Amino acid sequence: MKCPKCLRPVDHEAESCYSCGYSELEAAEKYGANQVFLNRIHDAAACLRKQDRDELAFALDQLEIKFPQMLFCSYLGNLPEGLSMSELGFWLLNHGQVKGAEYARPNENAILLILDMNTKQIGVSLGYFAETLISEEDAYRALLHARPHLLNAEYGEALEKIFFRLAKVLRKKGRKLRKLSQKELQDQSRELNKKVLDLPHHLAPVGEPEPKQVATLRSA
């Protein structure tokens, strides 16, 4: 992951950034340590029309059916000067609770889109687990995919495009993981066979087992 303040690489288990010292504690002191409740589509800037909000909600419903373990959510607001989208995303993933996703979809599995209406920019913040599935390049390409809608002030369509683009990444990653799981099972099987062959000679099986003799009763 990258530090939300200086954007330099840092391990997600580290308590603070190695470069600038930024930490969750500093974010809590600056923006508050309280828990906040969010809607799945949190339109604090009131920039979405009802139809756009309904269509985006329907799209998220479809994605949650396909990926029941993932959390898809968005925040649309007017960010104050000095607050970056990466810092806000980091804080929301640590202090936000999306209504209805308390247990089934934790914040570690979140894909959070942030739209700053002051700069007309969209950013992606990922939970720790989601970060293992979606690379920085994947997120950047998804954002570029929605640029025409953003330029035309079609904010609902822009968010929907990004979510669906990232869903394609998740599907591809899922197929790779399934193939990897099958390969791991095959590797484990081969390793087990190798261990059997490496047994002392008097314990190792030789060739195919001989068929058991079955007694039969013959008539005279």
C-alpha atoms as a PDB file:
ATOM      1  CA  MET A   1       0.000   0.000   0.000  1.00  0.00           C
ATOM      2  CA  LYS A   2       0.971   3.667  -0.197  1.00  0.00           C
ATOM      3  CA  CYS A   3       0.951   6.252   2.539  1.00  0.00           C
ATOM      4  CA  PRO A   4      -2.229   8.343   2.094  1.00  0.00           C
ATOM      5  CA  LYS A   5      -0.271  11.526   2.852  1.00  0.00           C
ATOM      6  CA  CYS A   6       3.081  11.298   1.044  1.00  0.00           C
ATOM      7  CA  LEU A   7       2.030   8.447  -1.302  1.00  0.00           C
ATOM      8  CA  ARG A   8       5.227   6.474  -0.716  1.00  0.00           C
ATOM      9  CA  PRO A   9       5.145   2.662  -0.341  1.00  0.00           C
ATOM     10  CA  VAL A  10       4.545   1.345   3.169  1.00  0.00           C
ATOM     11  CA  ASP A  11       3.636  -2.039   4.573  1.00  0.00           C
ATOM     12  CA  HIS A  12      -0.006  -2.228   5.630  1.00  0.00           C
ATOM     13  CA  GLU A  13       1.020  -3.741   8.981  1.00  0.00           C
ATOM     14  CA  ALA A  14       3.278  -0.794   9.814  1.00  0.00           C
ATOM     15  CA  GLU A  15       1.970   1.525  12.521  1.00  0.00           C
ATOM     16  CA  SER A  16       3.173   4.638  10.672  1.00  0.00           C
ATOM     17  CA  CYS A  17       4.697   5.688   7.358  1.00  0.00           C
ATOM     18  CA  TYR A  18       8.441   5.094   7.153  1.00  0.00           C
ATOM     19  CA  SER A  19       8.937   8.353   5.223  1.00  0.00           C
ATOM     20  CA  CYS A  20       6.661  10.994   6.772  1.00  0.00           C
ATOM     21  CA  GLY A  21       5.462   9.292   9.964  1.00  0.00           C
ATOM     22  CA  TYR A  22       1.773   9.561   9.031  1.00  0.00           C
ATOM     23  CA  SER A  23      -0.446   7.111  10.909  1.00  0.00           C
ATOM     24  CA  GLU A  24      -4.045   6.280  11.704  1.00  0.00           C
ATOM     25  CA  LEU A  25      -3.538   8.001  15.066  1.00  0.00           C
ATOM     26  CA  GLU A  26      -2.552  11.259  13.347  1.00  0.00           C
ATOM     27  CA  ALA A  27      -5.556  10.978  11.021  1.00  0.00           C
ATOM     28  CA  ALA A  28      -7.856  10.422  14.007  1.00  0.00           C
ATOM     29  CA  GLU A  29      -6.426  13.447  15.836  1.00  0.00           C
ATOM     30  CA  LYS A  30      -6.891  15.611  12.736  1.00  0.00           C
ATOM     31  CA  TYR A  31     -10.306  14.435  11.500  1.00  0.00           C
ATOM     32  CA  GLY A  32     -11.823  12.773  14.575  1.00  0.00           C
ATOM     33  CA  ALA A  33     -11.665   9.411  16.274  1.00  0.00           C
ATOM     34  CA  ASN A  34     -15.392   8.789  16.256  1.00  0.00           C
ATOM     35  CA  GLN A  35     -17.131   6.245  14.064  1.00  0.00           C
ATOM     36  CA  VAL A  36     -19.282   7.634  11.266  1.00  0.00           C
ATOM     37  CA  PHE A  37     -22.168   5.913   9.522  1.00  0.00           C
ATOM     38  CA  LEU A  38     -22.322   6.096   5.764  1.00  0.00           C
ATOM     39  CA  ASN A  39     -24.803   5.175   3.099  1.00  0.00           C
ATOM     40  CA  ARG A  40     -23.561   2.897   0.359  1.00  0.00           C
ATOM     41  CA  ILE A  41     -23.904   5.924  -1.944  1.00  0.00           C
ATOM     42  CA  HIS A  42     -23.088   8.818   0.373  1.00  0.00           C
ATOM     43  CA  ASP A  43     -23.913  11.947  -1.583  1.00  0.00           C
ATOM     44  CA  ALA A  44     -22.841  14.677   0.834  1.00  0.00           C
ATOM     45  CA  ALA A  45     -22.589  17.151  -2.065  1.00  0.00           C
ATOM     46  CA  ALA A  46     -26.131  16.403  -3.286  1.00  0.00           C
ATOM     47  CA  CYS A  47     -24.852  16.194  -6.858  1.00  0.00           C
ATOM     48  CA  LEU A  48     -26.711  13.069  -7.990  1.00  0.00           C
ATOM     49  CA  ARG A  49     -30.196  13.140  -9.413  1.00  0.00           C
ATOM     50  CA  LYS A  50     -32.629  10.577  -8.017  1.00  0.00           C
ATOM     51  CA  GLN A  51     -32.553   8.594 -11.250  1.00  0.00           C
ATOM     52  CA  ASP A  52     -28.749   8.529 -11.231  1.00  0.00           C
ATOM     53  CA  ARG A  53     -28.709   7.426  -7.595  1.00  0.00           C
ATOM     54  CA  ASP A  54     -31.282   4.698  -8.240  1.00  0.00           C
ATOM     55  CA  GLU A  55     -29.386   3.388 -11.264  1.00  0.00           C
ATOM     56  CA  LEU A  56     -26.110   3.365  -9.355  1.00  0.00           C
ATOM     57  CA  ALA A  57     -27.772   1.579  -6.423  1.00  0.00           C
ATOM     58  CA  PHE A  58     -29.120  -1.069  -8.807  1.00  0.00           C
ATOM     59  CA  ALA A  59     -25.623  -1.542 -10.260  1.00  0.00           C
ATOM     60  CA  LEU A  60     -24.174  -2.013  -6.769  1.00  0.00           C
ATOM     61  CA  ASP A  61     -26.909  -4.544  -5.986  1.00  0.00           C
ATOM     62  CA  GLN A  62     -25.805  -6.587  -9.003  1.00  0.00           C
ATOM     63  CA  LEU A  63     -22.158  -6.391  -8.002  1.00  0.00           C
ATOM     64  CA  GLU A  64     -22.901  -7.474  -4.430  1.00  0.00           C
ATOM     65  CA  ILE A  65     -24.712 -10.543  -5.768  1.00  0.00           C
ATOM     66  CA  LYS A  66     -21.681 -11.472  -7.887  1.00  0.00           C
ATOM     67  CA  PHE A  67     -19.160 -10.592  -5.166  1.00  0.00           C
ATOM     68  CA  PRO A  68     -20.943 -11.067  -1.808  1.00  0.00           C
ATOM     69  CA  GLN A  69     -17.703 -10.716   0.139  1.00  0.00           C
ATOM     70  CA  MET A  70     -16.799  -7.310  -1.336  1.00  0.00           C
ATOM     71  CA  LEU A  71     -18.010  -3.901  -0.184  1.00  0.00           C
ATOM     72  CA  PHE A  72     -18.790  -1.366  -2.930  1.00  0.00           C
ATOM     73  CA  CYS A  73     -19.401   2.191  -1.744  1.00  0.00           C
ATOM     74  CA  SER A  74     -18.902   5.809  -2.740  1.00  0.00           C
ATOM     75  CA  TYR A  75     -18.553   9.208  -1.114  1.00  0.00           C
ATOM     76  CA  LEU A  76     -19.391  12.405  -3.007  1.00  0.00           C
ATOM     77  CA  GLY A  77     -18.537  15.660  -1.267  1.00  0.00           C
ATOM     78  CA  ASN A  78     -16.821  19.026  -1.315  1.00  0.00           C
ATOM     79  CA  LEU A  79     -13.433  18.350   0.213  1.00  0.00           C
ATOM     80  CA  PRO A  80     -11.899  21.245   2.162  1.00  0.00           C
ATOM     81  CA  GLU A  81      -8.541  22.612   1.107  1.00  0.00           C
ATOM     82  CA  GLY A  82      -5.703  20.549   2.532  1.00  0.00           C
ATOM     83  CA  LEU A  83      -7.660  17.278   2.652  1.00  0.00           C
ATOM     84  CA  SER A  84      -6.674  14.882  -0.124  1.00  0.00           C
ATOM     85  CA  MET A  85      -8.900  12.098  -1.388  1.00  0.00           C
ATOM     86  CA  SER A  86      -6.341   9.504  -0.294  1.00  0.00           C
ATOM     87  CA  GLU A  87      -6.353  10.839   3.288  1.00  0.00           C
ATOM     88  CA  LEU A  88     -10.149  10.952   3.385  1.00  0.00           C
ATOM     89  CA  GLY A  89     -10.369   7.429   1.990  1.00  0.00           C
ATOM     90  CA  PHE A  90      -7.888   6.165   4.589  1.00  0.00           C
ATOM     91  CA  TRP A  91      -9.854   7.802   7.397  1.00  0.00           C
ATOM     92  CA  LEU A  92     -13.242   6.550   6.155  1.00  0.00           C
ATOM     93  CA  LEU A  93     -11.968   2.990   5.814  1.00  0.00           C
ATOM     94  CA  ASN A  94     -10.813   3.147   9.445  1.00  0.00           C
ATOM     95  CA  HIS A  95     -13.749   5.041  10.946  1.00  0.00           C
ATOM     96  CA  GLY A  96     -16.664   4.619   8.549  1.00  0.00           C
ATOM     97  CA  GLN A  97     -19.392   2.018   8.798  1.00  0.00           C
ATOM     98  CA  VAL A  98     -21.534   1.439   5.740  1.00  0.00           C
ATOM     99  CA  LYS A  99     -25.121   0.714   6.700  1.00  0.00           C
ATOM    100  CA  GLY A 100     -26.115  -2.894   6.088  1.00  0.00           C
ATOM    101  CA  ALA A 101     -22.553  -4.180   5.675  1.00  0.00           C
ATOM    102  CA  GLU A 102     -21.567  -4.613   9.312  1.00  0.00           C
ATOM    103  CA  TYR A 103     -20.628  -8.295   9.160  1.00  0.00           C
ATOM    104  CA  ALA A 104     -21.041  -9.626   5.622  1.00  0.00           C
ATOM    105  CA  ARG A 105     -18.717  -7.093   3.968  1.00  0.00           C
ATOM    106  CA  PRO A 106     -16.070  -5.571   6.264  1.00  0.00           C
ATOM    107  CA  ASN A 107     -14.088  -2.454   5.412  1.00  0.00           C
ATOM    108  CA  GLU A 108     -11.019  -4.584   4.675  1.00  0.00           C
ATOM    109  CA  ASN A 109     -12.913  -5.756   1.589  1.00  0.00           C
ATOM    110  CA  ALA A 110     -14.024  -2.278   0.542  1.00  0.00           C
ATOM    111  CA  ILE A 111     -13.747  -0.570  -2.816  1.00  0.00           C
ATOM    112  CA  LEU A 112     -14.457   3.063  -1.980  1.00  0.00           C
ATOM    113  CA  LEU A 113     -14.827   5.701  -4.704  1.00  0.00           C
ATOM    114  CA  ILE A 114     -14.433   9.325  -3.643  1.00  0.00           C
ATOM    115  CA  LEU A 115     -15.648  12.191  -5.822  1.00  0.00           C
ATOM    116  CA  ASP A 116     -14.452  15.672  -4.872  1.00  0.00           C
ATOM    117  CA  MET A 117     -16.882  18.167  -6.365  1.00  0.00           C
ATOM    118  CA  ASN A 118     -14.478  21.068  -5.778  1.00  0.00           C
ATOM    119  CA  THR A 119     -11.816  19.643  -8.089  1.00  0.00           C
ATOM    120  CA  LYS A 120     -14.122  17.340 -10.123  1.00  0.00           C
ATOM    121  CA  GLN A 121     -11.749  14.451  -9.465  1.00  0.00           C
ATOM    122  CA  ILE A 122     -12.437  10.822  -8.559  1.00  0.00           C
ATOM    123  CA  GLY A 123     -10.164   8.611  -6.483  1.00  0.00           C
ATOM    124  CA  VAL A 124     -10.168   4.962  -5.409  1.00  0.00           C
ATOM    125  CA  SER A 125      -9.431   3.814  -1.857  1.00  0.00           C
ATOM    126  CA  LEU A 126      -9.087   0.103  -1.183  1.00  0.00           C
ATOM    127  CA  GLY A 127      -9.304  -1.935   1.997  1.00  0.00           C
ATOM    128  CA  TYR A 128      -6.358  -4.192   2.868  1.00  0.00           C
ATOM    129  CA  PHE A 129      -7.933  -7.297   1.322  1.00  0.00           C
ATOM    130  CA  ALA A 130      -9.209  -5.472  -1.774  1.00  0.00           C
ATOM    131  CA  GLU A 131      -5.690  -4.109  -2.265  1.00  0.00           C
ATOM    132  CA  THR A 132      -4.395  -7.649  -2.767  1.00  0.00           C
ATOM    133  CA  LEU A 133      -6.835  -8.133  -5.655  1.00  0.00           C
ATOM    134  CA  ILE A 134      -6.697  -4.759  -7.414  1.00  0.00           C
ATOM    135  CA  SER A 135      -3.401  -3.157  -8.391  1.00  0.00           C
ATOM    136  CA  GLU A 136      -2.685   0.546  -8.633  1.00  0.00           C
ATOM    137  CA  GLU A 137      -2.577   0.208 -12.418  1.00  0.00           C
ATOM    138  CA  ASP A 138      -5.991  -1.508 -12.433  1.00  0.00           C
ATOM    139  CA  ALA A 139      -7.470   1.351 -10.427  1.00  0.00           C
ATOM    140  CA  TYR A 140      -5.875   3.986 -12.650  1.00  0.00           C
ATOM    141  CA  ARG A 141      -7.231   2.371 -15.817  1.00  0.00           C
ATOM    142  CA  ALA A 142     -10.699   2.193 -14.295  1.00  0.00           C
ATOM    143  CA  LEU A 143     -10.569   5.904 -13.524  1.00  0.00           C
ATOM    144  CA  LEU A 144      -9.485   6.713 -17.086  1.00  0.00           C
ATOM    145  CA  HIS A 145     -12.371   4.605 -18.388  1.00  0.00           C
ATOM    146  CA  ALA A 146     -14.851   6.973 -16.701  1.00  0.00           C
ATOM    147  CA  ARG A 147     -13.162  10.239 -17.702  1.00  0.00           C
ATOM    148  CA  PRO A 148     -15.598  11.135 -20.542  1.00  0.00           C
ATOM    149  CA  HIS A 149     -18.572  10.858 -18.169  1.00  0.00           C
ATOM    150  CA  LEU A 150     -16.796  12.954 -15.564  1.00  0.00           C
ATOM    151  CA  LEU A 151     -16.059  15.689 -18.110  1.00  0.00           C
ATOM    152  CA  ASN A 152     -19.749  15.733 -19.067  1.00  0.00           C
ATOM    153  CA  ALA A 153     -20.804  15.997 -15.398  1.00  0.00           C
ATOM    154  CA  GLU A 154     -22.394  12.523 -15.624  1.00  0.00           C
ATOM    155  CA  TYR A 155     -21.278  11.596 -12.125  1.00  0.00           C
ATOM    156  CA  GLY A 156     -23.518   8.590 -11.591  1.00  0.00           C
ATOM    157  CA  GLU A 157     -22.442   7.045 -14.903  1.00  0.00           C
ATOM    158  CA  ALA A 158     -18.781   7.755 -14.089  1.00  0.00           C
ATOM    159  CA  LEU A 159     -18.995   5.928 -10.750  1.00  0.00           C
ATOM    160  CA  GLU A 160     -20.877   3.031 -12.339  1.00  0.00           C
ATOM    161  CA  LYS A 161     -18.255   2.677 -15.091  1.00  0.00           C
ATOM    162  CA  ILE A 162     -15.457   2.519 -12.535  1.00  0.00           C
ATOM    163  CA  PHE A 163     -17.218  -0.068 -10.382  1.00  0.00           C
ATOM    164  CA  PHE A 164     -17.924  -2.317 -13.369  1.00  0.00           C
ATOM    165  CA  ARG A 165     -14.365  -1.941 -14.635  1.00  0.00           C
ATOM    166  CA  LEU A 166     -12.993  -3.000 -11.265  1.00  0.00           C
ATOM    167  CA  ALA A 167     -15.483  -5.888 -11.187  1.00  0.00           C
ATOM    168  CA  LYS A 168     -13.860  -7.216 -14.382  1.00  0.00           C
ATOM    169  CA  VAL A 169     -10.533  -7.157 -12.570  1.00  0.00           C
ATOM    170  CA  LEU A 170     -12.054  -9.122  -9.697  1.00  0.00           C
ATOM    171  CA  ARG A 171     -13.460 -11.735 -12.079  1.00  0.00           C
ATOM    172  CA  LYS A 172     -10.096 -12.208 -13.789  1.00  0.00           C
ATOM    173  CA  LYS A 173      -8.353 -12.401 -10.438  1.00  0.00           C
ATOM    174  CA  GLY A 174     -10.905 -14.967  -9.253  1.00  0.00           C
ATOM    175  CA  ARG A 175     -10.239 -17.195 -12.267  1.00  0.00           C
ATOM    176  CA  LYS A 176      -6.499 -16.978 -11.680  1.00  0.00           C
ATOM    177  CA  LEU A 177      -6.921 -17.839  -8.007  1.00  0.00           C
ATOM    178  CA  ARG A 178      -9.073 -20.861  -8.874  1.00  0.00           C
ATOM    179  CA  LYS A 179      -6.467 -22.060 -11.358  1.00  0.00           C
ATOM    180  CA  LEU A 180      -3.761 -21.446  -8.789  1.00  0.00           C
ATOM    181  CA  SER A 181      -5.723 -23.428  -6.200  1.00  0.00           C
ATOM    182  CA  GLN A 182      -6.022 -26.363  -8.614  1.00  0.00           C
ATOM    183  CA  LYS A 183      -2.312 -26.145  -9.381  1.00  0.00           C
ATOM    184  CA  GLU A 184      -1.498 -26.068  -5.661  1.00  0.00           C
ATOM    185  CA  LEU A 185      -3.581 -29.218  -5.163  1.00  0.00           C
ATOM    186  CA  GLN A 186      -1.729 -30.905  -8.012  1.00  0.00           C
ATOM    187  CA  ASP A 187       1.623 -29.783  -6.609  1.00  0.00           C
ATOM    188  CA  GLN A 188       0.656 -31.117  -3.181  1.00  0.00           C
ATOM    189  CA  SER A 189      -0.347 -34.416  -4.764  1.00  0.00           C
ATOM    190  CA  ARG A 190       2.976 -34.673  -6.616  1.00  0.00           C
ATOM    191  CA  GLU A 191       4.861 -33.773  -3.458  1.00  0.00           C
ATOM    192  CA  LEU A 192       3.017 -36.488  -1.566  1.00  0.00           C
ATOM    193  CA  ASN A 193       3.868 -39.042  -4.266  1.00  0.00           C
ATOM    194  CA  LYS A 194       7.494 -37.953  -4.140  1.00  0.00           C
ATOM    195  CA  LYS A 195       7.575 -38.460  -0.383  1.00  0.00           C
ATOM    196  CA  VAL A 196       6.158 -41.961  -0.874  1.00  0.00           C
ATOM    197  CA  LEU A 197       8.853 -42.762  -3.441  1.00  0.00           C
ATOM    198  CA  ASP A 198      11.521 -41.417  -1.094  1.00  0.00           C
ATOM    199  CA  LEU A 199      10.585 -43.933   1.605  1.00  0.00           C
ATOM    200  CA  PRO A 200      13.099 -46.675   2.472  1.00  0.00           C
ATOM    201  CA  HIS A 201      13.053 -49.448  -0.088  1.00  0.00           C
ATOM    202  CA  HIS A 202      11.402 -51.956   2.198  1.00  0.00           C
ATOM    203  CA  LEU A 203       8.505 -49.501   2.786  1.00  0.00           C
ATOM    204  CA  ALA A 204       8.077 -48.079  -0.699  1.00  0.00           C
ATOM    205  CA  PRO A 205       5.346 -49.575  -2.870  1.00  0.00           C
ATOM    206  CA  VAL A 206       6.697 -51.368  -5.922  1.00  0.00           C
ATOM    207  CA  GLY A 207       4.615 -51.303  -9.085  1.00  0.00           C
ATOM    208  CA  GLU A 208       0.901 -51.777  -9.070  1.00  0.00           C
ATOM    209  CA  PRO A 209      -0.676 -53.727  -6.204  1.00  0.00           C
ATOM    210  CA  GLU A 210      -1.482 -57.304  -7.068  1.00  0.00           C
ATOM    211  CA  PRO A 211      -5.197 -58.020  -7.517  1.00  0.00           C
ATOM    212  CA  LYS A 212      -6.743 -59.747  -4.576  1.00  0.00           C
ATOM    213  CA  GLN A 213      -7.693 -63.369  -5.125  1.00  0.00           C
ATOM    214  CA  VAL A 214     -11.418 -63.847  -4.703  1.00  0.00           C
ATOM    215  CA  ALA A 215     -12.587 -67.301  -3.640  1.00  0.00           C
ATOM    216  CA  THR A 216     -15.266 -68.770  -5.868  1.00  0.00           C
ATOM    217  CA  LEU A 217     -17.523 -71.758  -5.385  1.00  0.00           C
ATOM    218  CA  ARG A 218     -17.631 -73.989  -8.395  1.00  0.00           C
ATOM    219  CA  SER A 219     -20.348 -76.448  -9.079  1.00  0.00           C
ATOM    220  CA  ALA A 220     -19.380 -80.052  -9.523  1.00  0.00           C
END
